[in-house]
PDB file of all heavy atoms in Angstrom:
ATOM      1  N   THR A   1       1.786  -8.516 -12.328  1.00  0.00           N
ATOM      2  CA  THR A   1       1.074  -7.250 -12.238  1.00  0.00           C
ATOM      3  C   THR A   1       2.058  -6.082 -12.263  1.00  0.00           C
ATOM      4  O   THR A   1       3.227  -6.226 -11.880  1.00  0.00           O
ATOM      5  CB  THR A   1       0.229  -7.159 -10.948  1.00  0.00           C
ATOM      6  OG1 THR A   1       1.099  -7.176  -9.830  1.00  0.00           O
ATOM      7  CG2 THR A   1      -0.793  -8.285 -10.878  1.00  0.00           C
ATOM      8  N   PHE A   2       1.550  -4.964 -12.689  1.00  0.00           N
ATOM      9  CA  PHE A   2       2.311  -3.716 -12.690  1.00  0.00           C
ATOM     10  C   PHE A   2       2.790  -3.408 -11.269  1.00  0.00           C
ATOM     11  O   PHE A   2       3.954  -3.057 -11.058  1.00  0.00           O
ATOM     12  CB  PHE A   2       1.417  -2.605 -13.248  1.00  0.00           C
ATOM     13  CG  PHE A   2       1.969  -1.227 -13.135  1.00  0.00           C
ATOM     14  CD1 PHE A   2       3.063  -0.840 -13.878  1.00  0.00           C
ATOM     15  CD2 PHE A   2       1.378  -0.302 -12.292  1.00  0.00           C
ATOM     16  CE1 PHE A   2       3.567   0.449 -13.788  1.00  0.00           C
ATOM     17  CE2 PHE A   2       1.865   0.989 -12.198  1.00  0.00           C
ATOM     18  CZ  PHE A   2       2.970   1.361 -12.947  1.00  0.00           C
ATOM     19  N   SER A   3       1.905  -3.576 -10.298  1.00  0.00           N
ATOM     20  CA  SER A   3       2.241  -3.289  -8.893  1.00  0.00           C
ATOM     21  C   SER A   3       3.395  -4.149  -8.407  1.00  0.00           C
ATOM     22  O   SER A   3       4.319  -3.650  -7.756  1.00  0.00           O
ATOM     23  CB  SER A   3       1.028  -3.531  -7.995  1.00  0.00           C
ATOM     24  OG  SER A   3      -0.031  -2.693  -8.354  1.00  0.00           O
ATOM     25  N   SER A   4       3.348  -5.432  -8.703  1.00  0.00           N
ATOM     26  CA  SER A   4       4.412  -6.321  -8.228  1.00  0.00           C
ATOM     27  C   SER A   4       5.751  -5.980  -8.871  1.00  0.00           C
ATOM     28  O   SER A   4       6.805  -6.096  -8.231  1.00  0.00           O
ATOM     29  CB  SER A   4       4.049  -7.787  -8.469  1.00  0.00           C
ATOM     30  OG  SER A   4       3.978  -8.072  -9.841  1.00  0.00           O
ATOM     31  N   GLU A   5       5.718  -5.517 -10.103  1.00  0.00           N
ATOM     32  CA  GLU A   5       6.966  -5.127 -10.771  1.00  0.00           C
ATOM     33  C   GLU A   5       7.537  -3.838 -10.183  1.00  0.00           C
ATOM     34  O   GLU A   5       8.747  -3.695 -10.060  1.00  0.00           O
ATOM     35  CB  GLU A   5       6.768  -4.997 -12.279  1.00  0.00           C
ATOM     36  CG  GLU A   5       6.554  -6.311 -12.980  1.00  0.00           C
ATOM     37  CD  GLU A   5       7.716  -7.282 -12.865  1.00  0.00           C
ATOM     38  OE1 GLU A   5       8.887  -6.846 -12.722  1.00  0.00           O
ATOM     39  OE2 GLU A   5       7.462  -8.499 -12.917  1.00  0.00           O
ATOM     40  N   LEU A   6       6.664  -2.897  -9.822  1.00  0.00           N
ATOM     41  CA  LEU A   6       7.145  -1.679  -9.166  1.00  0.00           C
ATOM     42  C   LEU A   6       7.868  -2.025  -7.871  1.00  0.00           C
ATOM     43  O   LEU A   6       8.939  -1.484  -7.569  1.00  0.00           O
ATOM     44  CB  LEU A   6       5.983  -0.729  -8.855  1.00  0.00           C
ATOM     45  CG  LEU A   6       5.354   0.009 -10.019  1.00  0.00           C
ATOM     46  CD1 LEU A   6       4.121   0.768  -9.548  1.00  0.00           C
ATOM     47  CD2 LEU A   6       6.351   0.964 -10.659  1.00  0.00           C
ATOM     48  N   LEU A   7       7.280  -2.934  -7.097  1.00  0.00           N
ATOM     49  CA  LEU A   7       7.891  -3.352  -5.836  1.00  0.00           C
ATOM     50  C   LEU A   7       9.194  -4.110  -6.086  1.00  0.00           C
ATOM     51  O   LEU A   7      10.185  -3.898  -5.381  1.00  0.00           O
ATOM     52  CB  LEU A   7       6.913  -4.207  -5.026  1.00  0.00           C
ATOM     53  CG  LEU A   7       5.698  -3.471  -4.474  1.00  0.00           C
ATOM     54  CD1 LEU A   7       4.704  -4.461  -3.878  1.00  0.00           C
ATOM     55  CD2 LEU A   7       6.108  -2.427  -3.446  1.00  0.00           C
ATOM     56  N   ALA A   8       9.194  -4.989  -7.093  1.00  0.00           N
ATOM     57  CA  ALA A   8      10.395  -5.769  -7.409  1.00  0.00           C
ATOM     58  C   ALA A   8      11.552  -4.870  -7.840  1.00  0.00           C
ATOM     59  O   ALA A   8      12.709  -5.138  -7.509  1.00  0.00           O
ATOM     60  CB  ALA A   8      10.085  -6.795  -8.489  1.00  0.00           C
ATOM     61  N   LEU A   9      11.225  -3.802  -8.546  1.00  0.00           N
ATOM     62  CA  LEU A   9      12.253  -2.849  -8.976  1.00  0.00           C
ATOM     63  C   LEU A   9      12.735  -1.975  -7.827  1.00  0.00           C
ATOM     64  O   LEU A   9      13.778  -1.328  -7.928  1.00  0.00           O
ATOM     65  CB  LEU A   9      11.717  -1.959 -10.104  1.00  0.00           C
ATOM     66  CG  LEU A   9      11.489  -2.625 -11.448  1.00  0.00           C
ATOM     67  CD1 LEU A   9      10.702  -1.700 -12.375  1.00  0.00           C
ATOM     68  CD2 LEU A   9      12.819  -3.012 -12.078  1.00  0.00           C
ATOM     69  N   GLY A  10      11.957  -1.921  -6.752  1.00  0.00           N
ATOM     70  CA  GLY A  10      12.329  -1.107  -5.591  1.00  0.00           C
ATOM     71  C   GLY A  10      12.139   0.380  -5.812  1.00  0.00           C
ATOM     72  O   GLY A  10      12.783   1.192  -5.155  1.00  0.00           O
ATOM     73  N   VAL A  11      11.246   0.748  -6.740  1.00  0.00           N
ATOM     74  CA  VAL A  11      11.055   2.166  -7.058  1.00  0.00           C
ATOM     75  C   VAL A  11       9.935   2.812  -6.241  1.00  0.00           C
ATOM     76  O   VAL A  11       9.738   4.024  -6.313  1.00  0.00           O
ATOM     77  CB  VAL A  11      10.808   2.381  -8.573  1.00  0.00           C
ATOM     78  CG1 VAL A  11      12.036   1.955  -9.363  1.00  0.00           C
ATOM     79  CG2 VAL A  11       9.579   1.636  -9.046  1.00  0.00           C
ATOM     80  N   ILE A  12       9.214   1.998  -5.471  1.00  0.00           N
ATOM     81  CA  ILE A  12       8.163   2.511  -4.591  1.00  0.00           C
ATOM     82  C   ILE A  12       8.068   1.546  -3.410  1.00  0.00           C
ATOM     83  O   ILE A  12       8.326   0.353  -3.561  1.00  0.00           O
ATOM     84  CB  ILE A  12       6.810   2.627  -5.334  1.00  0.00           C
ATOM     85  CG1 ILE A  12       5.800   3.447  -4.529  1.00  0.00           C
ATOM     86  CG2 ILE A  12       6.258   1.280  -5.720  1.00  0.00           C
ATOM     87  CD1 ILE A  12       4.552   3.828  -5.306  1.00  0.00           C
ATOM     88  N   ASN A  13       7.731   2.080  -2.243  1.00  0.00           N
ATOM     89  CA  ASN A  13       7.606   1.177  -1.097  1.00  0.00           C
ATOM     90  C   ASN A  13       6.170   0.676  -0.982  1.00  0.00           C
ATOM     91  O   ASN A  13       5.244   1.248  -1.562  1.00  0.00           O
ATOM     92  CB  ASN A  13       8.103   1.828   0.199  1.00  0.00           C
ATOM     93  CG  ASN A  13       7.237   2.971   0.664  1.00  0.00           C
ATOM     94  OD1 ASN A  13       6.022   2.851   0.757  1.00  0.00           O
ATOM     95  ND2 ASN A  13       7.865   4.093   0.983  1.00  0.00           N
ATOM     96  N   GLY A  14       6.000  -0.403  -0.267  1.00  0.00           N
ATOM     97  CA  GLY A  14       4.701  -1.054  -0.141  1.00  0.00           C
ATOM     98  C   GLY A  14       3.624  -0.169   0.448  1.00  0.00           C
ATOM     99  O   GLY A  14       2.464  -0.227   0.031  1.00  0.00           O
ATOM    100  N   MET A  15       3.984   0.666   1.418  1.00  0.00           N
ATOM    101  CA  MET A  15       3.005   1.540   2.065  1.00  0.00           C
ATOM    102  C   MET A  15       2.473   2.578   1.079  1.00  0.00           C
ATOM    103  O   MET A  15       1.265   2.792   0.995  1.00  0.00           O
ATOM    104  CB  MET A  15       3.637   2.232   3.272  1.00  0.00           C
ATOM    105  CG  MET A  15       2.657   2.988   4.118  1.00  0.00           C
ATOM    106  SD  MET A  15       1.531   1.935   5.047  1.00  0.00           S
ATOM    107  CE  MET A  15       2.630   1.257   6.257  1.00  0.00           C
ATOM    108  N   ASP A  16       3.365   3.212   0.332  1.00  0.00           N
ATOM    109  CA  ASP A  16       2.929   4.203  -0.659  1.00  0.00           C
ATOM    110  C   ASP A  16       2.070   3.557  -1.737  1.00  0.00           C
ATOM    111  O   ASP A  16       1.048   4.112  -2.151  1.00  0.00           O
ATOM    112  CB  ASP A  16       4.125   4.909  -1.306  1.00  0.00           C
ATOM    113  CG  ASP A  16       4.820   5.882  -0.372  1.00  0.00           C
ATOM    114  OD1 ASP A  16       4.186   6.347   0.595  1.00  0.00           O
ATOM    115  OD2 ASP A  16       6.005   6.181  -0.613  1.00  0.00           O
ATOM    116  N   LEU A  17       2.478   2.380  -2.182  1.00  0.00           N
ATOM    117  CA  LEU A  17       1.711   1.677  -3.206  1.00  0.00           C
ATOM    118  C   LEU A  17       0.327   1.305  -2.684  1.00  0.00           C
ATOM    119  O   LEU A  17      -0.672   1.483  -3.383  1.00  0.00           O
ATOM    120  CB  LEU A  17       2.458   0.433  -3.681  1.00  0.00           C
ATOM    121  CG  LEU A  17       1.790  -0.371  -4.791  1.00  0.00           C
ATOM    122  CD1 LEU A  17       1.579   0.487  -6.037  1.00  0.00           C
ATOM    123  CD2 LEU A  17       2.614  -1.595  -5.124  1.00  0.00           C
ATOM    124  N   SER A  18       0.256   0.838  -1.459  1.00  0.00           N
ATOM    125  CA  SER A  18      -1.040   0.485  -0.860  1.00  0.00           C
ATOM    126  C   SER A  18      -1.957   1.700  -0.751  1.00  0.00           C
ATOM    127  O   SER A  18      -3.160   1.600  -1.000  1.00  0.00           O
ATOM    128  CB  SER A  18      -0.844  -0.130   0.522  1.00  0.00           C
ATOM    129  OG  SER A  18      -0.183  -1.361   0.417  1.00  0.00           O
ATOM    130  N   ARG A  19      -1.394   2.837  -0.384  1.00  0.00           N
ATOM    131  CA  ARG A  19      -2.188   4.073  -0.305  1.00  0.00           C
ATOM    132  C   ARG A  19      -2.773   4.436  -1.673  1.00  0.00           C
ATOM    133  O   ARG A  19      -3.943   4.797  -1.789  1.00  0.00           O
ATOM    134  CB  ARG A  19      -1.335   5.228   0.204  1.00  0.00           C
ATOM    135  CG  ARG A  19      -1.134   5.244   1.670  1.00  0.00           C
ATOM    136  CD  ARG A  19      -0.481   6.563   2.109  1.00  0.00           C
ATOM    137  NE  ARG A  19      -0.408   6.604   3.546  1.00  0.00           N
ATOM    138  CZ  ARG A  19       0.673   6.315   4.257  1.00  0.00           C
ATOM    139  NH1 ARG A  19       1.785   5.980   3.641  1.00  0.00           N
ATOM    140  NH2 ARG A  19       0.651   6.361   5.567  1.00  0.00           N
ATOM    141  N   LEU A  20      -1.943   4.350  -2.706  1.00  0.00           N
ATOM    142  CA  LEU A  20      -2.397   4.682  -4.056  1.00  0.00           C
ATOM    143  C   LEU A  20      -3.427   3.676  -4.557  1.00  0.00           C
ATOM    144  O   LEU A  20      -4.418   4.054  -5.194  1.00  0.00           O
ATOM    145  CB  LEU A  20      -1.206   4.764  -5.010  1.00  0.00           C
ATOM    146  CG  LEU A  20      -0.245   5.925  -4.760  1.00  0.00           C
ATOM    147  CD1 LEU A  20       1.027   5.757  -5.567  1.00  0.00           C
ATOM    148  CD2 LEU A  20      -0.903   7.255  -5.063  1.00  0.00           C
ATOM    149  N   GLU A  21      -3.222   2.395  -4.264  1.00  0.00           N
ATOM    150  CA  GLU A  21      -4.192   1.377  -4.672  1.00  0.00           C
ATOM    151  C   GLU A  21      -5.535   1.608  -3.990  1.00  0.00           C
ATOM    152  O   GLU A  21      -6.591   1.490  -4.626  1.00  0.00           O
ATOM    153  CB  GLU A  21      -3.663  -0.019  -4.348  1.00  0.00           C
ATOM    154  CG  GLU A  21      -2.538  -0.452  -5.255  1.00  0.00           C
ATOM    155  CD  GLU A  21      -1.913  -1.780  -4.865  1.00  0.00           C
ATOM    156  OE1 GLU A  21      -2.026  -2.198  -3.693  1.00  0.00           O
ATOM    157  OE2 GLU A  21      -1.303  -2.405  -5.740  1.00  0.00           O
ATOM    158  N   ALA A  22      -5.505   1.963  -2.716  1.00  0.00           N
ATOM    159  CA  ALA A  22      -6.749   2.248  -1.994  1.00  0.00           C
ATOM    160  C   ALA A  22      -7.467   3.437  -2.625  1.00  0.00           C
ATOM    161  O   ALA A  22      -8.696   3.431  -2.773  1.00  0.00           O
ATOM    162  CB  ALA A  22      -6.456   2.519  -0.520  1.00  0.00           C
ATOM    163  N   GLN A  23      -6.708   4.442  -3.012  1.00  0.00           N
ATOM    164  CA  GLN A  23      -7.299   5.616  -3.651  1.00  0.00           C
ATOM    165  C   GLN A  23      -7.969   5.228  -4.970  1.00  0.00           C
ATOM    166  O   GLN A  23      -9.082   5.675  -5.257  1.00  0.00           O
ATOM    167  CB  GLN A  23      -6.232   6.681  -3.883  1.00  0.00           C
ATOM    168  CG  GLN A  23      -6.788   8.000  -4.324  1.00  0.00           C
ATOM    169  CD  GLN A  23      -5.723   9.080  -4.358  1.00  0.00           C
ATOM    170  OE1 GLN A  23      -4.631   8.935  -3.823  1.00  0.00           O
ATOM    171  NE2 GLN A  23      -6.032  10.185  -5.001  1.00  0.00           N
ATOM    172  N   VAL A  24      -7.305   4.400  -5.767  1.00  0.00           N
ATOM    173  CA  VAL A  24      -7.877   3.951  -7.042  1.00  0.00           C
ATOM    174  C   VAL A  24      -9.162   3.156  -6.802  1.00  0.00           C
ATOM    175  O   VAL A  24     -10.145   3.299  -7.529  1.00  0.00           O
ATOM    176  CB  VAL A  24      -6.855   3.108  -7.841  1.00  0.00           C
ATOM    177  CG1 VAL A  24      -7.514   2.412  -9.017  1.00  0.00           C
ATOM    178  CG2 VAL A  24      -5.716   3.987  -8.327  1.00  0.00           C
ATOM    179  N   LEU A  25      -9.152   2.321  -5.764  1.00  0.00           N
ATOM    180  CA  LEU A  25     -10.320   1.492  -5.454  1.00  0.00           C
ATOM    181  C   LEU A  25     -11.433   2.268  -4.752  1.00  0.00           C
ATOM    182  O   LEU A  25     -12.544   1.771  -4.620  1.00  0.00           O
ATOM    183  CB  LEU A  25      -9.897   0.302  -4.581  1.00  0.00           C
ATOM    184  CG  LEU A  25      -9.017  -0.730  -5.276  1.00  0.00           C
ATOM    185  CD1 LEU A  25      -8.453  -1.710  -4.261  1.00  0.00           C
ATOM    186  CD2 LEU A  25      -9.794  -1.463  -6.359  1.00  0.00           C
ATOM    187  N   GLY A  26     -11.125   3.477  -4.297  1.00  0.00           N
ATOM    188  CA  GLY A  26     -12.125   4.294  -3.628  1.00  0.00           C
ATOM    189  C   GLY A  26     -12.432   3.823  -2.215  1.00  0.00           C
ATOM    190  O   GLY A  26     -13.549   3.987  -1.732  1.00  0.00           O
ATOM    191  N   ILE A  27     -11.425   3.235  -1.568  1.00  0.00           N
ATOM    192  CA  ILE A  27     -11.609   2.782  -0.194  1.00  0.00           C
ATOM    193  C   ILE A  27     -10.613   3.506   0.706  1.00  0.00           C
ATOM    194  O   ILE A  27      -9.538   3.905   0.258  1.00  0.00           O
ATOM    195  CB  ILE A  27     -11.437   1.250  -0.064  1.00  0.00           C
ATOM    196  CG1 ILE A  27     -10.060   0.813  -0.565  1.00  0.00           C
ATOM    197  CG2 ILE A  27     -12.534   0.517  -0.805  1.00  0.00           C
ATOM    198  CD1 ILE A  27      -9.755  -0.664  -0.370  1.00  0.00           C
ATOM    199  N   PRO A  28     -10.955   3.685   1.976  1.00  0.00           N
ATOM    200  CA  PRO A  28     -10.021   4.367   2.863  1.00  0.00           C
ATOM    201  C   PRO A  28      -8.806   3.492   3.166  1.00  0.00           C
ATOM    202  O   PRO A  28      -8.914   2.273   3.244  1.00  0.00           O
ATOM    203  CB  PRO A  28     -10.834   4.622   4.132  1.00  0.00           C
ATOM    204  CG  PRO A  28     -11.994   3.713   4.056  1.00  0.00           C
ATOM    205  CD  PRO A  28     -12.219   3.362   2.624  1.00  0.00           C
ATOM    206  N   PHE A  29      -7.672   4.121   3.305  1.00  0.00           N
ATOM    207  CA  PHE A  29      -6.451   3.428   3.686  1.00  0.00           C
ATOM    208  C   PHE A  29      -6.254   3.617   5.176  1.00  0.00           C
ATOM    209  O   PHE A  29      -6.296   4.734   5.681  1.00  0.00           O
ATOM    210  CB  PHE A  29      -5.244   3.986   2.932  1.00  0.00           C
ATOM    211  CG  PHE A  29      -3.950   3.363   3.356  1.00  0.00           C
ATOM    212  CD1 PHE A  29      -3.568   2.141   2.843  1.00  0.00           C
ATOM    213  CD2 PHE A  29      -3.130   3.985   4.282  1.00  0.00           C
ATOM    214  CE1 PHE A  29      -2.388   1.544   3.239  1.00  0.00           C
ATOM    215  CE2 PHE A  29      -1.952   3.398   4.682  1.00  0.00           C
ATOM    216  CZ  PHE A  29      -1.577   2.179   4.160  1.00  0.00           C
ATOM    217  N   VAL A  30      -6.027   2.525   5.880  1.00  0.00           N
ATOM    218  CA  VAL A  30      -5.811   2.584   7.325  1.00  0.00           C
ATOM    219  C   VAL A  30      -4.494   1.894   7.635  1.00  0.00           C
ATOM    220  O   VAL A  30      -4.299   0.732   7.296  1.00  0.00           O
ATOM    221  CB  VAL A  30      -6.960   1.885   8.089  1.00  0.00           C
ATOM    222  CG1 VAL A  30      -6.716   1.935   9.582  1.00  0.00           C
ATOM    223  CG2 VAL A  30      -8.295   2.516   7.737  1.00  0.00           C
ATOM    224  N   ASP A  31      -3.598   2.618   8.263  1.00  0.00           N
ATOM    225  CA  ASP A  31      -2.310   2.076   8.660  1.00  0.00           C
ATOM    226  C   ASP A  31      -2.413   1.568  10.093  1.00  0.00           C
ATOM    227  O   ASP A  31      -2.588   2.342  11.029  1.00  0.00           O
ATOM    228  CB  ASP A  31      -1.247   3.169   8.563  1.00  0.00           C
ATOM    229  CG  ASP A  31       0.135   2.703   8.964  1.00  0.00           C
ATOM    230  OD1 ASP A  31       0.318   1.495   9.233  1.00  0.00           O
ATOM    231  OD2 ASP A  31       1.041   3.552   9.014  1.00  0.00           O
ATOM    232  N   LEU A  32      -2.319   0.265  10.260  1.00  0.00           N
ATOM    233  CA  LEU A  32      -2.447  -0.344  11.580  1.00  0.00           C
ATOM    234  C   LEU A  32      -1.100  -0.747  12.174  1.00  0.00           C
ATOM    235  O   LEU A  32      -1.067  -1.431  13.193  1.00  0.00           O
ATOM    236  CB  LEU A  32      -3.355  -1.582  11.506  1.00  0.00           C
ATOM    237  CG  LEU A  32      -4.795  -1.331  11.082  1.00  0.00           C
ATOM    238  CD1 LEU A  32      -5.547  -2.655  10.946  1.00  0.00           C
ATOM    239  CD2 LEU A  32      -5.496  -0.417  12.065  1.00  0.00           C
ATOM    240  N   THR A  33      -0.018  -0.315  11.566  1.00  0.00           N
ATOM    241  CA  THR A  33       1.296  -0.756  12.023  1.00  0.00           C
ATOM    242  C   THR A  33       1.609  -0.310  13.450  1.00  0.00           C
ATOM    243  O   THR A  33       2.387  -0.970  14.127  1.00  0.00           O
ATOM    244  CB  THR A  33       2.417  -0.269  11.088  1.00  0.00           C
ATOM    245  OG1 THR A  33       2.344   1.147  10.955  1.00  0.00           O
ATOM    246  CG2 THR A  33       2.316  -0.929   9.731  1.00  0.00           C
ATOM    247  N   HIS A  34       1.018   0.773  13.894  1.00  0.00           N
ATOM    248  CA  HIS A  34       1.301   1.262  15.247  1.00  0.00           C
ATOM    249  C   HIS A  34       0.131   1.037  16.201  1.00  0.00           C
ATOM    250  O   HIS A  34       0.094   1.618  17.281  1.00  0.00           O
ATOM    251  CB  HIS A  34       1.662   2.749  15.207  1.00  0.00           C
ATOM    252  CG  HIS A  34       2.857   3.033  14.348  1.00  0.00           C
ATOM    253  ND1 HIS A  34       4.131   2.610  14.657  1.00  0.00           N
ATOM    254  CD2 HIS A  34       2.974   3.659  13.157  1.00  0.00           C
ATOM    255  CE1 HIS A  34       4.971   2.980  13.716  1.00  0.00           C
ATOM    256  NE2 HIS A  34       4.287   3.621  12.784  1.00  0.00           N
ATOM    257  N   GLU A  35      -0.800   0.211  15.809  1.00  0.00           N
ATOM    258  CA  GLU A  35      -1.972  -0.074  16.636  1.00  0.00           C
ATOM    259  C   GLU A  35      -1.832  -1.440  17.289  1.00  0.00           C
ATOM    260  O   GLU A  35      -1.350  -2.384  16.676  1.00  0.00           O
ATOM    261  CB  GLU A  35      -3.245  -0.047  15.793  1.00  0.00           C
ATOM    262  CG  GLU A  35      -3.533   1.273  15.118  1.00  0.00           C
ATOM    263  CD  GLU A  35      -3.761   2.411  16.088  1.00  0.00           C
ATOM    264  OE1 GLU A  35      -4.413   2.179  17.129  1.00  0.00           O
ATOM    265  OE2 GLU A  35      -3.289   3.518  15.803  1.00  0.00           O
ATOM    266  N   LYS A  36      -2.266  -1.524  18.528  1.00  0.00           N
ATOM    267  CA  LYS A  36      -2.284  -2.811  19.219  1.00  0.00           C
ATOM    268  C   LYS A  36      -3.688  -3.389  19.046  1.00  0.00           C
ATOM    269  O   LYS A  36      -4.673  -2.779  19.442  1.00  0.00           O
ATOM    270  CB  LYS A  36      -1.954  -2.631  20.695  1.00  0.00           C
ATOM    271  CG  LYS A  36      -1.915  -3.941  21.427  1.00  0.00           C
ATOM    272  CD  LYS A  36      -1.399  -3.769  22.836  1.00  0.00           C
ATOM    273  CE  LYS A  36      -1.569  -5.055  23.567  1.00  0.00           C
ATOM    274  NZ  LYS A  36      -0.371  -5.765  23.821  1.00  0.00           N
ATOM    275  N   ILE A  37      -3.749  -4.568  18.462  1.00  0.00           N
ATOM    276  CA  ILE A  37      -5.030  -5.215  18.191  1.00  0.00           C
ATOM    277  C   ILE A  37      -5.215  -6.327  19.217  1.00  0.00           C
ATOM    278  O   ILE A  37      -4.347  -7.179  19.398  1.00  0.00           O
ATOM    279  CB  ILE A  37      -5.091  -5.757  16.761  1.00  0.00           C
ATOM    280  CG1 ILE A  37      -4.884  -4.606  15.770  1.00  0.00           C
ATOM    281  CG2 ILE A  37      -6.415  -6.472  16.491  1.00  0.00           C
ATOM    282  CD1 ILE A  37      -4.727  -5.024  14.337  1.00  0.00           C
ATOM    283  N   ASP A  38      -6.362  -6.295  19.882  1.00  0.00           N
ATOM    284  CA  ASP A  38      -6.662  -7.279  20.909  1.00  0.00           C
ATOM    285  C   ASP A  38      -6.609  -8.694  20.357  1.00  0.00           C
ATOM    286  O   ASP A  38      -7.101  -8.966  19.266  1.00  0.00           O
ATOM    287  CB  ASP A  38      -8.058  -6.988  21.484  1.00  0.00           C
ATOM    288  CG  ASP A  38      -8.356  -7.839  22.700  1.00  0.00           C
ATOM    289  OD1 ASP A  38      -8.842  -8.967  22.517  1.00  0.00           O
ATOM    290  OD2 ASP A  38      -8.075  -7.364  23.826  1.00  0.00           O
TER     291      ASP A  38
END
């Protein structure tokens, strides 16, 4: 995939790519990295 190649090249980070993919899909992006999940 185009996305996997961007990541492999190191030209974009995973978080930015995920945000853009969510925007294309029309779904909200939620960053849970700083959330404690029960």
